[in-house]
C-alpha atoms as a PDB file:
ATOM      1  CA  MET A   1       0.002  -0.012  -0.014  1.00  0.00           C
ATOM      2  CA  ASN A   2       1.366   3.376  -1.063  1.00  0.00           C
ATOM      3  CA  GLU A   3       1.361   6.189   1.469  1.00  0.00           C
ATOM      4  CA  LYS A   4       1.594   9.798   0.402  1.00  0.00           C
ATOM      5  CA  PRO A   5       4.284  11.723   2.190  1.00  0.00           C
ATOM      6  CA  VAL A   6       3.087  14.765   4.061  1.00  0.00           C
ATOM      7  CA  ASN A   7       5.390  17.671   4.694  1.00  0.00           C
ATOM      8  CA  ALA A   8       5.278  19.930   7.717  1.00  0.00           C
ATOM      9  CA  GLU A   9       3.013  22.452   6.070  1.00  0.00           C
ATOM     10  CA  GLY A  10       0.674  19.807   4.637  1.00  0.00           C
ATOM     11  CA  SER A  11      -0.174  19.426   0.997  1.00  0.00           C
ATOM     12  CA  ALA A  12      -2.988  21.251  -0.780  1.00  0.00           C
ATOM     13  CA  GLY A  13      -6.362  19.560  -0.635  1.00  0.00           C
ATOM     14  CA  GLU A  14      -5.565  17.719   2.587  1.00  0.00           C
ATOM     15  CA  GLU A  15      -7.912  18.224   5.477  1.00  0.00           C
ATOM     16  CA  LYS A  16      -6.017  19.086   8.659  1.00  0.00           C
ATOM     17  CA  LEU A  17      -7.335  18.113  11.987  1.00  0.00           C
ATOM     18  CA  PHE A  18      -5.960  19.946  15.035  1.00  0.00           C
ATOM     19  CA  PRO A  19      -3.663  22.251  12.969  1.00  0.00           C
ATOM     20  CA  GLY A  20      -0.180  22.377  14.369  1.00  0.00           C
ATOM     21  CA  LYS A  21      -1.029  19.564  16.747  1.00  0.00           C
ATOM     22  CA  LEU A  22      -2.378  16.511  14.989  1.00  0.00           C
ATOM     23  CA  SER A  23      -3.077  15.308  11.471  1.00  0.00           C
ATOM     24  CA  SER A  24      -4.979  12.131  10.658  1.00  0.00           C
ATOM     25  CA  ASP A  25      -2.473  11.210   7.977  1.00  0.00           C
ATOM     26  CA  SER A  26       0.697  12.222   9.915  1.00  0.00           C
ATOM     27  CA  ASP A  27       3.285   9.684  11.014  1.00  0.00           C
ATOM     28  CA  ASP A  28       4.437  11.985  13.752  1.00  0.00           C
ATOM     29  CA  ALA A  29       0.920  12.422  15.249  1.00  0.00           C
ATOM     30  CA  ARG A  30       0.883  12.478  18.978  1.00  0.00           C
ATOM     31  CA  GLY A  31      -1.691  10.998  21.135  1.00  0.00           C
ATOM     32  CA  LEU A  32      -4.497  13.046  22.732  1.00  0.00           C
ATOM     33  CA  ASP A  33      -2.980  12.627  26.142  1.00  0.00           C
ATOM     34  CA  GLU A  34       0.241  14.293  24.924  1.00  0.00           C
ATOM     35  CA  ILE A  35      -1.690  17.172  23.364  1.00  0.00           C
ATOM     36  CA  PHE A  36      -3.678  18.033  26.501  1.00  0.00           C
ATOM     37  CA  GLU A  37      -0.483  17.808  28.605  1.00  0.00           C
ATOM     38  CA  ASP A  38       0.494  21.221  27.184  1.00  0.00           C
ATOM     39  CA  ASP A  39      -2.599  22.952  28.601  1.00  0.00           C
ATOM     40  CA  PRO A  40      -4.050  20.714  31.238  1.00  0.00           C
ATOM     41  CA  GLN A  41      -7.651  21.502  32.339  1.00  0.00           C
ATOM     42  CA  VAL A  42      -8.876  20.685  35.793  1.00  0.00           C
ATOM     43  CA  VAL A  43     -12.608  20.121  36.286  1.00  0.00           C
ATOM     44  CA  PRO A  44     -13.667  21.264  39.814  1.00  0.00           C
ATOM     45  CA  GLU A  45     -15.628  18.803  41.796  1.00  0.00           C
ATOM     46  CA  ALA A  46     -19.309  19.560  41.842  1.00  0.00           C
ATOM     47  CA  GLN A  47     -20.456  20.840  45.204  1.00  0.00           C
ATOM     48  CA  SER A  48     -23.571  19.486  46.780  1.00  0.00           C
ATOM     49  CA  ALA A  49     -26.716  21.653  47.044  1.00  0.00           C
ATOM     50  CA  SER A  50     -26.489  21.674  50.810  1.00  0.00           C
ATOM     51  CA  GLN A  51     -22.956  23.020  50.748  1.00  0.00           C
ATOM     52  CA  GLN A  52     -23.959  25.790  48.334  1.00  0.00           C
ATOM     53  CA  THR A  53     -26.894  26.726  50.547  1.00  0.00           C
ATOM     54  CA  ALA A  54     -24.561  26.887  53.535  1.00  0.00           C
ATOM     55  CA  ASP A  55     -22.149  29.076  51.693  1.00  0.00           C
ATOM     56  CA  MET A  56     -24.872  31.441  50.586  1.00  0.00           C
ATOM     57  CA  ALA A  57     -26.182  31.639  54.122  1.00  0.00           C
ATOM     58  CA  GLU A  58     -22.733  32.465  55.368  1.00  0.00           C
ATOM     59  CA  HIS A  59     -22.423  35.229  52.758  1.00  0.00           C
ATOM     60  CA  LEU A  60     -25.822  36.630  53.620  1.00  0.00           C
ATOM     61  CA  GLY A  61     -24.828  36.634  57.299  1.00  0.00           C
ATOM     62  CA  LEU A  62     -21.737  38.631  56.521  1.00  0.00           C
ATOM     63  CA  ILE A  63     -23.753  41.028  54.407  1.00  0.00           C
ATOM     64  CA  GLN A  64     -26.268  41.496  57.246  1.00  0.00           C
ATOM     65  CA  GLN A  65     -23.457  42.214  59.647  1.00  0.00           C
ATOM     66  CA  GLU A  66     -22.157  44.874  57.315  1.00  0.00           C
ATOM     67  CA  LEU A  67     -25.616  46.354  56.859  1.00  0.00           C
ATOM     68  CA  LYS A  68     -26.359  46.720  60.558  1.00  0.00           C
ATOM     69  CA  PRO A  69     -24.317  49.932  60.972  1.00  0.00           C
ATOM     70  CA  LEU A  70     -25.883  51.283  57.767  1.00  0.00           C
ATOM     71  CA  ALA A  71     -29.377  50.548  59.143  1.00  0.00           C
ATOM     72  CA  GLY A  72     -28.594  52.530  62.234  1.00  0.00           C
ATOM     73  CA  GLN A  73     -27.250  55.408  60.170  1.00  0.00           C
ATOM     74  CA  LEU A  74     -30.338  55.293  57.977  1.00  0.00           C
ATOM     75  CA  ALA A  75     -32.614  55.486  61.011  1.00  0.00           C
ATOM     76  CA  GLU A  76     -30.599  58.475  62.282  1.00  0.00           C
ATOM     77  CA  THR A  77     -30.831  60.128  58.900  1.00  0.00           C
ATOM     78  CA  ASN A  78     -34.610  59.609  58.726  1.00  0.00           C
ATOM     79  CA  ALA A  79     -34.993  61.063  62.205  1.00  0.00           C
ATOM     80  CA  GLU A  80     -32.875  64.048  61.221  1.00  0.00           C
ATOM     81  CA  ILE A  81     -34.978  64.547  58.047  1.00  0.00           C
ATOM     82  CA  LYS A  82     -38.159  64.508  60.125  1.00  0.00           C
ATOM     83  CA  ARG A  83     -36.696  67.016  62.584  1.00  0.00           C
ATOM     84  CA  ILE A  84     -35.684  69.328  59.772  1.00  0.00           C
ATOM     85  CA  LYS A  85     -39.090  69.108  58.165  1.00  0.00           C
ATOM     86  CA  LEU A  86     -40.769  69.890  61.531  1.00  0.00           C
ATOM     87  CA  GLU A  87     -38.487  72.847  61.997  1.00  0.00           C
ATOM     88  CA  GLN A  88     -39.252  74.104  58.463  1.00  0.00           C
ATOM     89  CA  ARG A  89     -42.976  73.753  59.062  1.00  0.00           C
ATOM     90  CA  VAL A  90     -42.744  75.583  62.382  1.00  0.00           C
ATOM     91  CA  LEU A  91     -40.675  78.332  60.797  1.00  0.00           C
ATOM     92  CA  THR A  92     -43.113  78.672  57.923  1.00  0.00           C
ATOM     93  CA  GLU A  93     -46.056  78.906  60.318  1.00  0.00           C
ATOM     94  CA  MET A  94     -44.177  81.499  62.437  1.00  0.00           C
ATOM     95  CA  HIS A  95     -43.315  83.482  59.333  1.00  0.00           C
ATOM     96  CA  ASP A  96     -46.928  83.466  58.123  1.00  0.00           C
ATOM     97  CA  ARG A  97     -48.118  84.459  61.613  1.00  0.00           C
ATOM     98  CA  CYS A  98     -45.601  87.303  61.819  1.00  0.00           C
ATOM     99  CA  ARG A  99     -46.622  88.523  58.398  1.00  0.00           C
ATOM    100  CA  GLU A 100     -50.302  88.373  59.403  1.00  0.00           C
ATOM    101  CA  LEU A 101     -49.616  90.235  62.643  1.00  0.00           C
ATOM    102  CA  GLY A 102     -47.543  92.781  60.768  1.00  0.00           C
ATOM    103  CA  GLU A 103     -50.376  93.341  58.322  1.00  0.00           C
ATOM    104  CA  GLN A 104     -52.890  93.718  61.157  1.00  0.00           C
ATOM    105  CA  HIS A 105     -50.625  96.219  62.928  1.00  0.00           C
ATOM    106  CA  TYR A 106     -50.173  98.172  59.729  1.00  0.00           C
ATOM    107  CA  GLN A 107     -53.875  98.361  59.098  1.00  0.00           C
ATOM    108  CA  ARG A 108     -54.694  99.130  62.706  1.00  0.00           C
ATOM    109  CA  GLU A 109     -51.917 101.620  63.482  1.00  0.00           C
ATOM    110  CA  VAL A 110     -51.248 103.179  60.133  1.00  0.00           C
ATOM    111  CA  LEU A 111     -54.025 102.714  57.660  1.00  0.00           C
ATOM    112  CA  GLY A 112     -56.853 102.820  60.230  1.00  0.00           C
ATOM    113  CA  PRO A 113     -56.174 106.342  61.509  1.00  0.00           C
ATOM    114  CA  LEU A 114     -55.415 107.511  57.944  1.00  0.00           C
ATOM    115  CA  PHE A 115     -58.689 106.155  56.662  1.00  0.00           C
ATOM    116  CA  ARG A 116     -60.749 107.534  59.568  1.00  0.00           C
ATOM    117  CA  SER A 117     -59.240 111.010  59.135  1.00  0.00           C
ATOM    118  CA  ALA A 118     -59.914 110.991  55.436  1.00  0.00           C
ATOM    119  CA  ILE A 119     -63.473 109.757  56.045  1.00  0.00           C
ATOM    120  CA  GLY A 120     -64.027 112.562  58.616  1.00  0.00           C
ATOM    121  CA  ILE A 121     -62.961 115.130  56.014  1.00  0.00           C
ATOM    122  CA  ALA A 122     -65.311 113.563  53.500  1.00  0.00           C
ATOM    123  CA  ASP A 123     -68.131 113.602  56.023  1.00  0.00           C
ATOM    124  CA  ARG A 124     -67.692 117.356  56.707  1.00  0.00           C
ATOM    125  CA  GLY A 125     -67.484 118.126  53.003  1.00  0.00           C
ATOM    126  CA  ARG A 126     -70.663 116.165  52.360  1.00  0.00           C
ATOM    127  CA  GLN A 127     -72.510 117.799  55.339  1.00  0.00           C
ATOM    128  CA  GLN A 128     -71.452 121.281  54.211  1.00  0.00           C
ATOM    129  CA  ALA A 129     -72.586 120.522  50.701  1.00  0.00           C
ATOM    130  CA  GLU A 130     -76.063 119.494  52.005  1.00  0.00           C
ATOM    131  CA  ARG A 131     -76.387 122.689  54.016  1.00  0.00           C
ATOM    132  CA  LEU A 132     -75.277 124.738  51.054  1.00  0.00           C
ATOM    133  CA  LYS A 133     -77.934 123.056  48.886  1.00  0.00           C
ATOM    134  CA  GLU A 134     -80.654 124.056  51.405  1.00  0.00           C
ATOM    135  CA  LEU A 135     -79.264 127.579  51.600  1.00  0.00           C
ATOM    136  CA  LEU A 136     -79.204 127.746  47.786  1.00  0.00           C
ATOM    137  CA  LYS A 137     -82.930 126.862  47.713  1.00  0.00           C
ATOM    138  CA  LYS A 138     -83.770 129.697  50.068  1.00  0.00           C
ATOM    139  CA  HIS A 139     -81.904 132.311  48.079  1.00  0.00           C
ATOM    140  CA  ALA A 140     -83.333 130.933  44.833  1.00  0.00           C
ATOM    141  CA  ALA A 141     -86.833 131.515  46.279  1.00  0.00           C
ATOM    142  CA  ARG A 142     -85.752 135.123  46.985  1.00  0.00           C
ATOM    143  CA  ASP A 143     -84.113 135.453  43.537  1.00  0.00           C
ATOM    144  CA  ASN A 144     -80.903 136.616  45.181  1.00  0.00           C
ATOM    145  CA  LYS A 145     -78.557 135.946  42.271  1.00  0.00           C
ATOM    146  CA  THR A 146     -75.415 137.327  43.907  1.00  0.00           C
ATOM    147  CA  ALA A 147     -75.799 135.047  46.941  1.00  0.00           C
ATOM    148  CA  MET A 148     -76.723 132.137  44.663  1.00  0.00           C
ATOM    149  CA  ARG A 149     -73.428 132.521  42.682  1.00  0.00           C
ATOM    150  CA  ALA A 150     -71.428 132.512  45.908  1.00  0.00           C
ATOM    151  CA  ILE A 151     -73.228 129.523  47.263  1.00  0.00           C
ATOM    152  CA  ARG A 152     -72.819 127.556  44.041  1.00  0.00           C
ATOM    153  CA  TYR A 153     -69.101 128.287  44.137  1.00  0.00           C
ATOM    154  CA  LEU A 154     -68.808 126.962  47.679  1.00  0.00           C
ATOM    155  CA  LEU A 155     -71.086 124.007  46.927  1.00  0.00           C
ATOM    156  CA  ASP A 156     -68.948 122.926  43.957  1.00  0.00           C
ATOM    157  CA  ALA A 157     -65.796 123.209  46.066  1.00  0.00           C
ATOM    158  CA  ARG A 158     -67.184 121.068  48.879  1.00  0.00           C
ATOM    159  CA  GLN A 159     -68.531 118.443  46.501  1.00  0.00           C
ATOM    160  CA  ALA A 160     -65.195 118.327  44.730  1.00  0.00           C
ATOM    161  CA  ASP A 161     -63.393 117.899  48.082  1.00  0.00           C
ATOM    162  CA  TYR A 162     -65.314 114.837  49.273  1.00  0.00           C
ATOM    163  CA  ILE A 163     -65.342 113.279  45.788  1.00  0.00           C
ATOM    164  CA  GLU A 164     -61.571 113.559  45.626  1.00  0.00           C
ATOM    165  CA  ILE A 165     -61.225 112.104  49.127  1.00  0.00           C
ATOM    166  CA  GLU A 166     -63.450 109.169  48.227  1.00  0.00           C
ATOM    167  CA  SER A 167     -61.304 108.601  45.142  1.00  0.00           C
ATOM    168  CA  PHE A 168     -58.191 108.575  47.370  1.00  0.00           C
ATOM    169  CA  LEU A 169     -59.853 106.026  49.675  1.00  0.00           C
ATOM    170  CA  ALA A 170     -60.994 103.921  46.710  1.00  0.00           C
ATOM    171  CA  ASN A 171     -57.253 103.528  45.702  1.00  0.00           C
ATOM    172  CA  TYR A 172     -56.822 101.573  49.007  1.00  0.00           C
ATOM    173  CA  GLY A 173     -59.982  99.540  48.471  1.00  0.00           C
ATOM    174  CA  VAL A 174     -62.116 101.674  50.907  1.00  0.00           C
ATOM    175  CA  GLU A 175     -65.578 102.332  49.533  1.00  0.00           C
ATOM    176  CA  PRO A 176     -68.795 103.859  50.929  1.00  0.00           C
ATOM    177  CA  PHE A 177     -71.817 101.656  51.468  1.00  0.00           C
ATOM    178  CA  GLU A 178     -75.404 101.778  52.662  1.00  0.00           C
ATOM    179  CA  SER A 179     -76.943  98.709  54.331  1.00  0.00           C
ATOM    180  CA  LEU A 180     -79.931  97.206  52.605  1.00  0.00           C
ATOM    181  CA  GLY A 181     -83.302  97.077  54.240  1.00  0.00           C
ATOM    182  CA  GLU A 182     -85.175  99.375  56.539  1.00  0.00           C
ATOM    183  CA  LYS A 183     -84.404  97.586  59.822  1.00  0.00           C
ATOM    184  CA  PHE A 184     -81.594  98.861  62.004  1.00  0.00           C
ATOM    185  CA  ASP A 185     -78.544  96.556  61.753  1.00  0.00           C
ATOM    186  CA  PRO A 186     -76.092  97.242  64.598  1.00  0.00           C
ATOM    187  CA  SER A 187     -73.353  95.203  62.904  1.00  0.00           C
ATOM    188  CA  SER A 188     -73.049  97.754  60.060  1.00  0.00           C
ATOM    189  CA  GLN A 189     -74.953 100.800  61.336  1.00  0.00           C
ATOM    190  CA  LYS A 190     -74.568 103.247  64.177  1.00  0.00           C
ATOM    191  CA  CYS A 191     -77.604 105.009  65.643  1.00  0.00           C
ATOM    192  CA  ILE A 192     -76.913 108.789  65.803  1.00  0.00           C
ATOM    193  CA  SER A 193     -80.413 109.980  66.451  1.00  0.00           C
ATOM    194  CA  LYS A 194     -83.603 108.445  67.850  1.00  0.00           C
ATOM    195  CA  ILE A 195     -87.031 109.400  66.703  1.00  0.00           C
ATOM    196  CA  GLU A 196     -89.917 108.540  69.020  1.00  0.00           C
ATOM    197  CA  THR A 197     -93.065 107.007  67.504  1.00  0.00           C
ATOM    198  CA  THR A 198     -96.329 105.571  68.718  1.00  0.00           C
ATOM    199  CA  GLU A 199     -96.560 103.182  65.734  1.00  0.00           C
ATOM    200  CA  ILE A 200     -95.267  99.834  66.860  1.00  0.00           C
ATOM    201  CA  SER A 201     -94.607  98.690  63.264  1.00  0.00           C
ATOM    202  CA  LEU A 202     -91.996 101.402  62.818  1.00  0.00           C
ATOM    203  CA  VAL A 203     -90.024 100.647  65.968  1.00  0.00           C
ATOM    204  CA  GLY A 204     -86.552  99.485  65.017  1.00  0.00           C
ATOM    205  CA  ASN A 205     -86.814 100.861  61.498  1.00  0.00           C
ATOM    206  CA  LEU A 206     -84.562 103.546  60.046  1.00  0.00           C
ATOM    207  CA  SER A 207     -86.004 107.032  60.251  1.00  0.00           C
ATOM    208  CA  HIS A 208     -83.328 108.549  58.026  1.00  0.00           C
ATOM    209  CA  ARG A 209     -79.773 108.018  56.812  1.00  0.00           C
ATOM    210  CA  LEU A 210     -77.180 110.513  57.822  1.00  0.00           C
ATOM    211  CA  LEU A 211     -73.765 109.407  56.512  1.00  0.00           C
ATOM    212  CA  PRO A 212     -72.690 106.363  54.508  1.00  0.00           C
ATOM    213  CA  GLY A 213     -70.528 103.663  56.050  1.00  0.00           C
ATOM    214  CA  TYR A 214     -67.102 102.700  54.695  1.00  0.00           C
ATOM    215  CA  ARG A 215     -65.652  99.223  54.280  1.00  0.00           C
ATOM    216  CA  ARG A 216     -62.443  97.722  52.979  1.00  0.00           C
ATOM    217  CA  GLU A 217     -63.157  94.358  51.431  1.00  0.00           C
ATOM    218  CA  GLU A 218     -65.153  92.606  54.241  1.00  0.00           C
ATOM    219  CA  ARG A 219     -63.852  94.773  57.056  1.00  0.00           C
ATOM    220  CA  ILE A 220     -65.920  97.749  58.143  1.00  0.00           C
ATOM    221  CA  ILE A 221     -63.804 100.862  58.687  1.00  0.00           C
ATOM    222  CA  ARG A 222     -66.733 103.126  59.710  1.00  0.00           C
ATOM    223  CA  GLN A 223     -70.356 102.145  60.338  1.00  0.00           C
ATOM    224  CA  GLU A 224     -73.213 103.868  58.533  1.00  0.00           C
ATOM    225  CA  PHE A 225     -74.715 106.701  60.592  1.00  0.00           C
ATOM    226  CA  VAL A 226     -78.518 106.492  60.777  1.00  0.00           C
ATOM    227  CA  GLY A 227     -81.552 107.570  62.732  1.00  0.00           C
ATOM    228  CA  VAL A 228     -83.828 104.945  64.249  1.00  0.00           C
ATOM    229  CA  TYR A 229     -87.460 104.880  65.363  1.00  0.00           C
ATOM    230  CA  VAL A 230     -87.936 104.108  69.013  1.00  0.00           C
ATOM    231  CA  PRO A 231     -91.140 103.651  71.028  1.00  0.00           C
ATOM    232  CA  LYS A 232     -92.464 106.912  72.516  1.00  0.00           C
ATOM    233  CA  LYS A 233     -92.087 107.066  76.226  1.00  0.00           C
ATOM    234  CA  LYS A 234     -95.310 107.203  78.204  1.00  0.00           C
ATOM    235  CA  SER A 235     -95.756 110.482  79.977  1.00  0.00           C
ATOM    236  CA  GLN A 236     -95.826 110.071  83.734  1.00  0.00           C
ATOM    237  CA  THR A 237     -98.531 112.092  85.377  1.00  0.00           C
ATOM    238  CA  PRO A 238     -98.068 112.785  89.047  1.00  0.00           C
ATOM    239  CA  ASN A 239    -100.410 110.980  91.278  1.00  0.00           C
ATOM    240  CA  THR A 240    -101.902 113.736  93.462  1.00  0.00           C
ATOM    241  CA  GLY A 241    -104.613 111.681  95.084  1.00  0.00           C
ATOM    242  CA  GLU A 242    -107.732 113.121  96.606  1.00  0.00           C
END
């Protein structure tokens, strides 16, 4: 039987198995044991399931030991966060309360007196204007043109005064008002004059309105000045006897 010689590189068309290591047609082929001696592989022994479970338990125990200090630190951190949030809430409430008290003080000590003074000036201008109107009617009946011109001049000045003051008050949200209804309302009205009457149905009703009230939003700055009907007092006759 003829055998084809094979050089070190191998001839064309030949199929090489394990290049550089082993050829099926090579005379110098080494056994598999000799090949694997160059790079020996060691297969670890399989561990039992119980041993693996024990190892995992041991690792978990170590991890838990390491996490214990972290758990304590986490609890302290959470407590610190709660304390900071509580302080922030208290500070916010104190800030809001201080701002509210400051606003109340400003309205009571600064704006209140200013509003009341301006309202008093408007009241006097309005009252003077009403008196000038009555005086103008009298001189109109007498056809006293000179006096009428003077009165009209004063009347226009007084009306312009209280209109300007009311415009100033309106810039701060203070506006005049008149309570609805004919019954006296002590929450928004102030009785300035009392009119006696024998009619029971009129008792407690408004007899007339004197000056408007003033409010800022829902807060009353000055109550409305009104007159109220009251029951007429019975005259007491002395008992002389016989």
